[in-house]
């Protein structure tokens, strides 16, 4: 039997909870500050938090032990994350969190499309139906009709 703490589903659910909190807390945080400065401050806190976790768990490893290919993709991922955060904080500054977040979560739909296109992942008909419903749901929540 798999231990629940090791289940990817538990970690994914926790990620969703923290992402939801991120939207609400960020919306409150960008009210009186430039969105780019807010993103910078957030990044400093994330750097400190992750460095503390890696230190506390003694998981540091030499950069030489990491494959160059991994470093390139992690660097590209960091650039994409930074661009996402900058856009997200600006959107939160301009719009309502309840409308901004669903559009941001269209990333789930894009991940499915990119996963199939670039990683060769396979989705069933039921999976595609779920992807379509997520897209429709995000649009219905995000826009005032």
N, C-alpha and C. Protein backbone atom coordinates (compact mmCIF):
# COMPACT_ATOMS: atom_id res chain seq x y z
N UNK A 1 0.84 -1.19 0.00
CA UNK A 1 0.00 0.00 0.00
C UNK A 1 0.88 1.25 0.00
N UNK A 2 0.54 2.23 -0.85
CA UNK A 2 1.31 3.46 -0.94
C UNK A 2 1.00 4.37 0.25
N UNK A 3 2.04 4.93 0.82
CA UNK A 3 1.84 5.87 1.92
C UNK A 3 1.29 7.18 1.35
N UNK A 4 0.22 7.72 1.93
CA UNK A 4 -0.39 8.93 1.38
C UNK A 4 0.57 10.11 1.27
N UNK A 5 1.53 10.23 2.18
CA UNK A 5 2.44 11.36 2.15
C UNK A 5 3.32 11.35 0.90
N UNK A 6 3.48 10.18 0.29
CA UNK A 6 4.30 10.07 -0.90
C UNK A 6 3.49 10.16 -2.19
N UNK A 7 2.19 10.24 -2.08
CA UNK A 7 1.31 10.26 -3.24
C UNK A 7 1.41 11.59 -3.99
N UNK A 8 1.53 11.50 -5.30
CA UNK A 8 1.59 12.72 -6.09
C UNK A 8 0.27 13.48 -6.01
N UNK A 9 -0.83 12.76 -5.80
CA UNK A 9 -2.12 13.42 -5.71
C UNK A 9 -2.21 14.35 -4.50
N UNK A 10 -1.64 13.90 -3.38
CA UNK A 10 -1.63 14.74 -2.16
C UNK A 10 -0.82 16.01 -2.41
N UNK A 11 0.36 15.84 -2.99
CA UNK A 11 1.21 17.00 -3.27
C UNK A 11 0.53 17.94 -4.28
N UNK A 12 -0.14 17.39 -5.28
CA UNK A 12 -0.83 18.22 -6.27
C UNK A 12 -1.98 18.99 -5.62
N UNK A 13 -2.72 18.32 -4.72
CA UNK A 13 -3.82 18.98 -4.02
C UNK A 13 -3.29 20.11 -3.14
N UNK A 14 -2.20 19.86 -2.44
CA UNK A 14 -1.58 20.91 -1.62
C UNK A 14 -1.12 22.07 -2.50
N UNK A 15 -0.58 21.76 -3.66
CA UNK A 15 -0.17 22.80 -4.59
C UNK A 15 -1.36 23.68 -4.98
N UNK A 16 -2.50 23.06 -5.23
CA UNK A 16 -3.70 23.82 -5.58
C UNK A 16 -4.14 24.73 -4.44
N UNK A 17 -4.09 24.21 -3.21
CA UNK A 17 -4.47 25.03 -2.05
C UNK A 17 -3.54 26.24 -1.93
N UNK A 18 -2.23 26.00 -2.04
CA UNK A 18 -1.28 27.10 -1.93
C UNK A 18 -1.38 28.07 -3.10
N UNK A 19 -1.69 27.56 -4.29
CA UNK A 19 -1.88 28.44 -5.44
C UNK A 19 -3.09 29.34 -5.23
N UNK A 20 -4.16 28.78 -4.65
CA UNK A 20 -5.34 29.60 -4.35
C UNK A 20 -5.00 30.68 -3.33
N UNK A 21 -4.29 30.29 -2.29
CA UNK A 21 -3.86 31.29 -1.29
C UNK A 21 -2.95 32.34 -1.92
N UNK A 22 -2.11 31.91 -2.86
CA UNK A 22 -1.22 32.84 -3.56
C UNK A 22 -2.02 33.95 -4.23
N UNK A 23 -3.10 33.58 -4.91
CA UNK A 23 -3.91 34.58 -5.61
C UNK A 23 -4.50 35.59 -4.64
N UNK A 24 -5.07 35.11 -3.55
CA UNK A 24 -5.73 36.01 -2.60
C UNK A 24 -4.69 36.89 -1.89
N UNK A 25 -3.62 36.27 -1.40
CA UNK A 25 -2.60 37.03 -0.69
C UNK A 25 -1.87 38.00 -1.61
N UNK A 26 -1.60 37.58 -2.84
CA UNK A 26 -0.94 38.47 -3.79
C UNK A 26 -1.82 39.66 -4.15
N UNK A 27 -3.10 39.41 -4.33
CA UNK A 27 -4.04 40.50 -4.63
C UNK A 27 -3.99 41.55 -3.53
N UNK A 28 -3.97 41.11 -2.28
CA UNK A 28 -3.86 42.05 -1.16
C UNK A 28 -2.49 42.73 -1.14
N UNK A 29 -1.46 41.98 -1.53
CA UNK A 29 -0.10 42.51 -1.48
C UNK A 29 0.23 43.53 -2.55
N UNK A 30 -0.44 43.48 -3.69
CA UNK A 30 -0.10 44.40 -4.78
C UNK A 30 -0.95 45.66 -4.79
N UNK A 31 -1.81 45.82 -3.78
CA UNK A 31 -2.70 46.97 -3.77
C UNK A 31 -1.96 48.31 -3.70
N UNK A 32 -0.87 48.37 -2.95
CA UNK A 32 -0.18 49.64 -2.72
C UNK A 32 1.27 49.64 -3.22
N UNK A 33 1.60 48.76 -4.18
CA UNK A 33 2.98 48.64 -4.61
C UNK A 33 3.00 48.28 -6.09
N UNK A 34 4.06 48.67 -6.76
CA UNK A 34 4.26 48.31 -8.16
C UNK A 34 4.31 46.79 -8.28
N UNK A 35 3.64 46.23 -9.27
CA UNK A 35 3.55 44.78 -9.40
C UNK A 35 4.90 44.12 -9.64
N UNK A 36 5.81 44.80 -10.34
CA UNK A 36 7.15 44.23 -10.57
C UNK A 36 7.96 44.19 -9.27
N UNK A 37 7.83 45.23 -8.46
CA UNK A 37 8.51 45.25 -7.15
C UNK A 37 7.92 44.15 -6.27
N UNK A 38 6.61 43.98 -6.33
CA UNK A 38 5.96 42.93 -5.55
C UNK A 38 6.49 41.56 -5.96
N UNK A 39 6.65 41.33 -7.24
CA UNK A 39 7.19 40.06 -7.73
C UNK A 39 8.61 39.85 -7.23
N UNK A 40 9.41 40.91 -7.23
CA UNK A 40 10.79 40.83 -6.75
C UNK A 40 10.82 40.45 -5.26
N UNK A 41 9.98 41.10 -4.48
CA UNK A 41 9.93 40.81 -3.04
C UNK A 41 9.49 39.36 -2.81
N UNK A 42 8.49 38.93 -3.55
CA UNK A 42 8.01 37.54 -3.45
C UNK A 42 9.14 36.56 -3.77
N UNK A 43 9.91 36.87 -4.80
CA UNK A 43 11.01 36.00 -5.21
C UNK A 43 12.08 35.89 -4.12
N UNK A 44 12.36 36.98 -3.45
CA UNK A 44 13.34 36.96 -2.35
C UNK A 44 12.86 36.01 -1.25
N UNK A 45 11.58 36.10 -0.91
CA UNK A 45 11.03 35.21 0.12
C UNK A 45 11.08 33.75 -0.32
N UNK A 46 10.77 33.50 -1.57
CA UNK A 46 10.81 32.11 -2.08
C UNK A 46 12.23 31.58 -2.06
N UNK A 47 13.19 32.40 -2.44
CA UNK A 47 14.59 32.00 -2.41
C UNK A 47 15.00 31.63 -0.98
N UNK A 48 14.63 32.47 -0.02
CA UNK A 48 14.96 32.19 1.38
C UNK A 48 14.29 30.92 1.88
N UNK A 49 13.04 30.74 1.54
CA UNK A 49 12.31 29.55 1.98
C UNK A 49 12.93 28.28 1.40
N UNK A 50 13.17 28.26 0.11
CA UNK A 50 13.71 27.04 -0.50
C UNK A 50 15.14 26.77 -0.03
N UNK A 51 15.93 27.81 0.15
CA UNK A 51 17.29 27.62 0.68
C UNK A 51 17.23 27.04 2.10
N UNK A 52 16.28 27.50 2.88
CA UNK A 52 16.12 26.97 4.24
C UNK A 52 15.71 25.50 4.22
N UNK A 53 14.80 25.15 3.33
CA UNK A 53 14.36 23.75 3.23
C UNK A 53 15.50 22.85 2.79
N UNK A 54 16.23 23.27 1.76
CA UNK A 54 17.35 22.46 1.27
C UNK A 54 18.42 22.32 2.36
N UNK A 55 18.67 23.40 3.10
CA UNK A 55 19.65 23.34 4.19
C UNK A 55 19.18 22.45 5.32
N UNK A 56 17.94 22.62 5.73
CA UNK A 56 17.40 21.84 6.86
C UNK A 56 17.36 20.34 6.55
N UNK A 57 17.13 20.01 5.28
CA UNK A 57 17.05 18.60 4.90
C UNK A 57 18.38 18.07 4.36
N UNK A 58 19.40 18.92 4.39
CA UNK A 58 20.75 18.55 3.91
C UNK A 58 20.71 17.96 2.50
N UNK A 59 20.03 18.66 1.61
CA UNK A 59 19.89 18.18 0.24
C UNK A 59 20.72 18.97 -0.77
N UNK A 60 21.63 19.79 -0.30
CA UNK A 60 22.47 20.54 -1.23
C UNK A 60 23.26 19.56 -2.09
N UNK A 61 23.47 19.92 -3.33
CA UNK A 61 24.35 19.12 -4.18
C UNK A 61 25.14 20.06 -5.07
N UNK A 62 26.30 19.60 -5.47
CA UNK A 62 27.20 20.39 -6.29
C UNK A 62 26.58 20.63 -7.67
N UNK A 63 26.80 21.83 -8.18
CA UNK A 63 26.32 22.12 -9.53
C UNK A 63 26.99 21.21 -10.56
N UNK A 64 28.20 20.76 -10.24
CA UNK A 64 28.92 19.86 -11.15
C UNK A 64 28.24 18.50 -11.25
N UNK A 65 27.44 18.15 -10.26
CA UNK A 65 26.76 16.86 -10.29
C UNK A 65 25.44 16.90 -11.07
N UNK A 66 25.07 18.09 -11.54
CA UNK A 66 23.83 18.26 -12.28
C UNK A 66 24.15 18.33 -13.77
N UNK A 67 23.46 17.52 -14.55
CA UNK A 67 23.71 17.47 -15.99
C UNK A 67 23.46 18.84 -16.62
N UNK A 68 24.31 19.24 -17.56
CA UNK A 68 24.12 20.53 -18.24
C UNK A 68 22.73 20.68 -18.85
N UNK A 69 22.21 19.60 -19.40
CA UNK A 69 20.86 19.64 -19.99
C UNK A 69 19.83 20.02 -18.93
N UNK A 70 19.95 19.46 -17.73
CA UNK A 70 19.03 19.79 -16.64
C UNK A 70 19.16 21.26 -16.27
N UNK A 71 20.38 21.76 -16.20
CA UNK A 71 20.58 23.17 -15.86
C UNK A 71 19.96 24.10 -16.90
N UNK A 72 20.11 23.75 -18.17
CA UNK A 72 19.52 24.58 -19.23
C UNK A 72 18.01 24.62 -19.10
N UNK A 73 17.39 23.43 -18.91
CA UNK A 73 15.93 23.41 -18.80
C UNK A 73 15.44 24.06 -17.52
N UNK A 74 16.20 23.95 -16.43
CA UNK A 74 15.81 24.64 -15.20
C UNK A 74 15.93 26.15 -15.36
N UNK A 75 16.96 26.60 -16.08
CA UNK A 75 17.11 28.03 -16.34
C UNK A 75 15.96 28.54 -17.20
N UNK A 76 15.61 27.79 -18.23
CA UNK A 76 14.48 28.19 -19.07
C UNK A 76 13.17 28.18 -18.28
N UNK A 77 13.01 27.18 -17.42
CA UNK A 77 11.83 27.12 -16.56
C UNK A 77 11.78 28.33 -15.63
N UNK A 78 12.93 28.72 -15.11
CA UNK A 78 12.99 29.90 -14.23
C UNK A 78 12.57 31.16 -14.98
N UNK A 79 13.04 31.29 -16.21
CA UNK A 79 12.65 32.46 -17.02
C UNK A 79 11.14 32.46 -17.28
N UNK A 80 10.60 31.28 -17.58
CA UNK A 80 9.15 31.18 -17.80
C UNK A 80 8.38 31.49 -16.52
N UNK A 81 8.88 30.98 -15.39
CA UNK A 81 8.24 31.27 -14.11
C UNK A 81 8.26 32.76 -13.81
N UNK A 82 9.41 33.38 -14.00
CA UNK A 82 9.52 34.82 -13.77
C UNK A 82 8.56 35.61 -14.63
N UNK A 83 8.49 35.26 -15.91
CA UNK A 83 7.57 35.95 -16.81
C UNK A 83 6.12 35.73 -16.37
N UNK A 84 5.81 34.51 -15.96
CA UNK A 84 4.46 34.19 -15.49
C UNK A 84 4.12 35.01 -14.26
N UNK A 85 5.03 35.05 -13.30
CA UNK A 85 4.77 35.80 -12.08
C UNK A 85 4.59 37.29 -12.35
N UNK A 86 5.44 37.86 -13.20
CA UNK A 86 5.32 39.28 -13.52
C UNK A 86 3.96 39.58 -14.16
N UNK A 87 3.55 38.73 -15.09
CA UNK A 87 2.25 38.91 -15.74
C UNK A 87 1.11 38.70 -14.75
N UNK A 88 1.23 37.69 -13.91
CA UNK A 88 0.19 37.36 -12.94
C UNK A 88 -0.02 38.50 -11.94
N UNK A 89 1.07 39.03 -11.41
CA UNK A 89 0.94 40.11 -10.43
C UNK A 89 0.36 41.36 -11.07
N UNK A 90 0.73 41.63 -12.32
CA UNK A 90 0.16 42.79 -13.02
C UNK A 90 -1.34 42.57 -13.25
N UNK A 91 -1.71 41.36 -13.66
CA UNK A 91 -3.12 41.05 -13.87
C UNK A 91 -3.90 41.19 -12.57
N UNK A 92 -3.33 40.72 -11.46
CA UNK A 92 -4.00 40.85 -10.16
C UNK A 92 -4.16 42.31 -9.76
N UNK A 93 -3.18 43.12 -10.11
CA UNK A 93 -3.25 44.53 -9.77
C UNK A 93 -4.38 45.21 -10.55
N UNK A 94 -4.62 44.74 -11.76
CA UNK A 94 -5.61 45.36 -12.64
C UNK A 94 -7.00 44.74 -12.54
N UNK A 95 -7.08 43.46 -12.15
CA UNK A 95 -8.36 42.77 -12.17
C UNK A 95 -8.69 42.10 -10.86
N UNK A 96 -9.86 41.49 -10.83
CA UNK A 96 -10.33 40.78 -9.65
C UNK A 96 -9.67 39.41 -9.58
N UNK A 97 -9.26 39.01 -8.38
CA UNK A 97 -8.59 37.72 -8.19
C UNK A 97 -9.46 36.56 -8.69
N UNK A 98 -10.77 36.66 -8.45
CA UNK A 98 -11.68 35.59 -8.85
C UNK A 98 -11.79 35.46 -10.37
N UNK A 99 -11.37 36.47 -11.10
CA UNK A 99 -11.41 36.42 -12.56
C UNK A 99 -10.02 36.19 -13.15
N UNK A 100 -9.01 36.71 -12.50
CA UNK A 100 -7.63 36.54 -12.98
C UNK A 100 -7.18 35.09 -12.83
N UNK A 101 -7.42 34.51 -11.66
CA UNK A 101 -6.92 33.16 -11.37
C UNK A 101 -7.42 32.10 -12.36
N UNK A 102 -8.69 32.10 -12.75
CA UNK A 102 -9.12 31.08 -13.71
C UNK A 102 -8.40 31.18 -15.06
N UNK A 103 -8.15 32.40 -15.51
CA UNK A 103 -7.41 32.56 -16.77
C UNK A 103 -5.98 32.04 -16.59
N UNK A 104 -5.37 32.36 -15.45
CA UNK A 104 -4.03 31.85 -15.15
C UNK A 104 -4.04 30.32 -15.15
N UNK A 105 -5.10 29.73 -14.63
CA UNK A 105 -5.17 28.27 -14.53
C UNK A 105 -5.45 27.60 -15.87
N UNK A 106 -5.65 28.39 -16.92
CA UNK A 106 -5.68 27.80 -18.26
C UNK A 106 -4.33 27.17 -18.58
N UNK A 107 -3.35 27.45 -17.73
CA UNK A 107 -2.05 26.78 -17.88
C UNK A 107 -2.21 25.27 -17.79
N UNK A 108 -3.21 24.80 -17.05
CA UNK A 108 -3.47 23.37 -16.94
C UNK A 108 -3.83 22.81 -18.32
N UNK A 109 -4.66 23.53 -19.03
CA UNK A 109 -5.06 23.12 -20.38
C UNK A 109 -3.83 23.14 -21.30
N UNK A 110 -3.04 24.20 -21.19
CA UNK A 110 -1.84 24.31 -22.03
C UNK A 110 -0.82 23.22 -21.71
N UNK A 111 -0.69 22.86 -20.44
CA UNK A 111 0.22 21.77 -20.08
C UNK A 111 -0.21 20.47 -20.75
N UNK A 112 -1.51 20.21 -20.76
CA UNK A 112 -2.00 19.00 -21.43
C UNK A 112 -1.65 19.04 -22.91
N UNK A 113 -1.90 20.17 -23.55
CA UNK A 113 -1.59 20.30 -24.98
C UNK A 113 -0.09 20.19 -25.24
N UNK A 114 0.71 20.87 -24.43
CA UNK A 114 2.17 20.83 -24.61
C UNK A 114 2.72 19.45 -24.30
N UNK A 115 2.17 18.80 -23.26
CA UNK A 115 2.62 17.46 -22.89
C UNK A 115 2.43 16.47 -24.02
N UNK A 116 1.28 16.56 -24.68
CA UNK A 116 1.00 15.67 -25.81
C UNK A 116 1.89 16.04 -27.00
N UNK A 117 1.99 17.34 -27.28
CA UNK A 117 2.72 17.80 -28.46
C UNK A 117 4.23 17.62 -28.32
N UNK A 118 4.79 18.01 -27.20
CA UNK A 118 6.25 18.05 -27.07
C UNK A 118 6.85 16.87 -26.30
N UNK A 119 6.07 16.26 -25.42
CA UNK A 119 6.60 15.17 -24.60
C UNK A 119 6.09 13.80 -25.02
N UNK A 120 5.18 13.77 -25.98
CA UNK A 120 4.65 12.50 -26.45
C UNK A 120 3.72 11.81 -25.47
N UNK A 121 3.16 12.57 -24.53
CA UNK A 121 2.23 11.98 -23.57
C UNK A 121 0.91 11.65 -24.26
N UNK A 122 0.20 10.70 -23.71
CA UNK A 122 -1.07 10.26 -24.29
C UNK A 122 -2.22 10.59 -23.35
N UNK A 123 -3.30 11.10 -23.92
CA UNK A 123 -4.51 11.36 -23.15
C UNK A 123 -5.67 10.60 -23.79
N UNK A 124 -6.53 10.05 -22.95
CA UNK A 124 -7.70 9.33 -23.44
C UNK A 124 -8.79 10.33 -23.83
N UNK A 125 -9.84 9.82 -24.42
CA UNK A 125 -10.98 10.66 -24.78
C UNK A 125 -11.56 11.33 -23.53
N UNK A 126 -11.65 10.58 -22.44
CA UNK A 126 -12.16 11.15 -21.18
C UNK A 126 -11.22 12.25 -20.68
N UNK A 127 -9.90 12.05 -20.83
CA UNK A 127 -8.95 13.09 -20.44
C UNK A 127 -9.15 14.36 -21.26
N UNK A 128 -9.33 14.21 -22.56
CA UNK A 128 -9.54 15.36 -23.44
C UNK A 128 -10.84 16.08 -23.08
N UNK A 129 -11.86 15.32 -22.73
CA UNK A 129 -13.12 15.93 -22.30
C UNK A 129 -12.88 16.77 -21.05
N UNK A 130 -12.10 16.25 -20.10
CA UNK A 130 -11.76 17.00 -18.90
C UNK A 130 -11.00 18.27 -19.22
N UNK A 131 -10.05 18.20 -20.14
CA UNK A 131 -9.28 19.37 -20.56
C UNK A 131 -10.22 20.42 -21.15
N UNK A 132 -11.14 19.98 -22.02
CA UNK A 132 -12.09 20.91 -22.64
C UNK A 132 -13.00 21.54 -21.59
N UNK A 133 -13.45 20.75 -20.62
CA UNK A 133 -14.31 21.29 -19.56
C UNK A 133 -13.57 22.27 -18.67
N UNK A 134 -12.27 22.01 -18.42
CA UNK A 134 -11.47 22.97 -17.63
C UNK A 134 -11.36 24.28 -18.38
N UNK A 135 -11.13 24.21 -19.67
CA UNK A 135 -11.02 25.43 -20.47
C UNK A 135 -12.33 26.20 -20.45
N UNK A 136 -13.43 25.50 -20.68
CA UNK A 136 -14.74 26.14 -20.66
C UNK A 136 -15.04 26.71 -19.28
N UNK A 137 -14.75 25.95 -18.24
CA UNK A 137 -14.99 26.42 -16.87
C UNK A 137 -14.20 27.69 -16.55
N UNK A 138 -12.94 27.72 -16.93
CA UNK A 138 -12.12 28.91 -16.68
C UNK A 138 -12.69 30.13 -17.39
N UNK A 139 -13.13 29.93 -18.61
CA UNK A 139 -13.70 31.04 -19.37
C UNK A 139 -15.00 31.52 -18.73
N UNK A 140 -15.85 30.59 -18.32
CA UNK A 140 -17.13 30.96 -17.70
C UNK A 140 -16.95 31.68 -16.38
N UNK A 141 -15.94 31.29 -15.60
CA UNK A 141 -15.69 31.96 -14.32
C UNK A 141 -15.05 33.32 -14.53
N UNK A 142 -14.19 33.43 -15.52
CA UNK A 142 -13.39 34.64 -15.69
C UNK A 142 -14.14 35.83 -16.28
N UNK A 143 -15.11 35.55 -17.10
CA UNK A 143 -15.75 36.65 -17.80
C UNK A 143 -17.13 36.96 -17.26
N UNK A 144 -17.42 38.26 -17.22
CA UNK A 144 -18.76 38.71 -16.83
C UNK A 144 -19.66 38.65 -18.06
N UNK A 145 -20.77 38.00 -17.92
CA UNK A 145 -21.70 37.89 -19.04
C UNK A 145 -22.91 38.76 -18.80
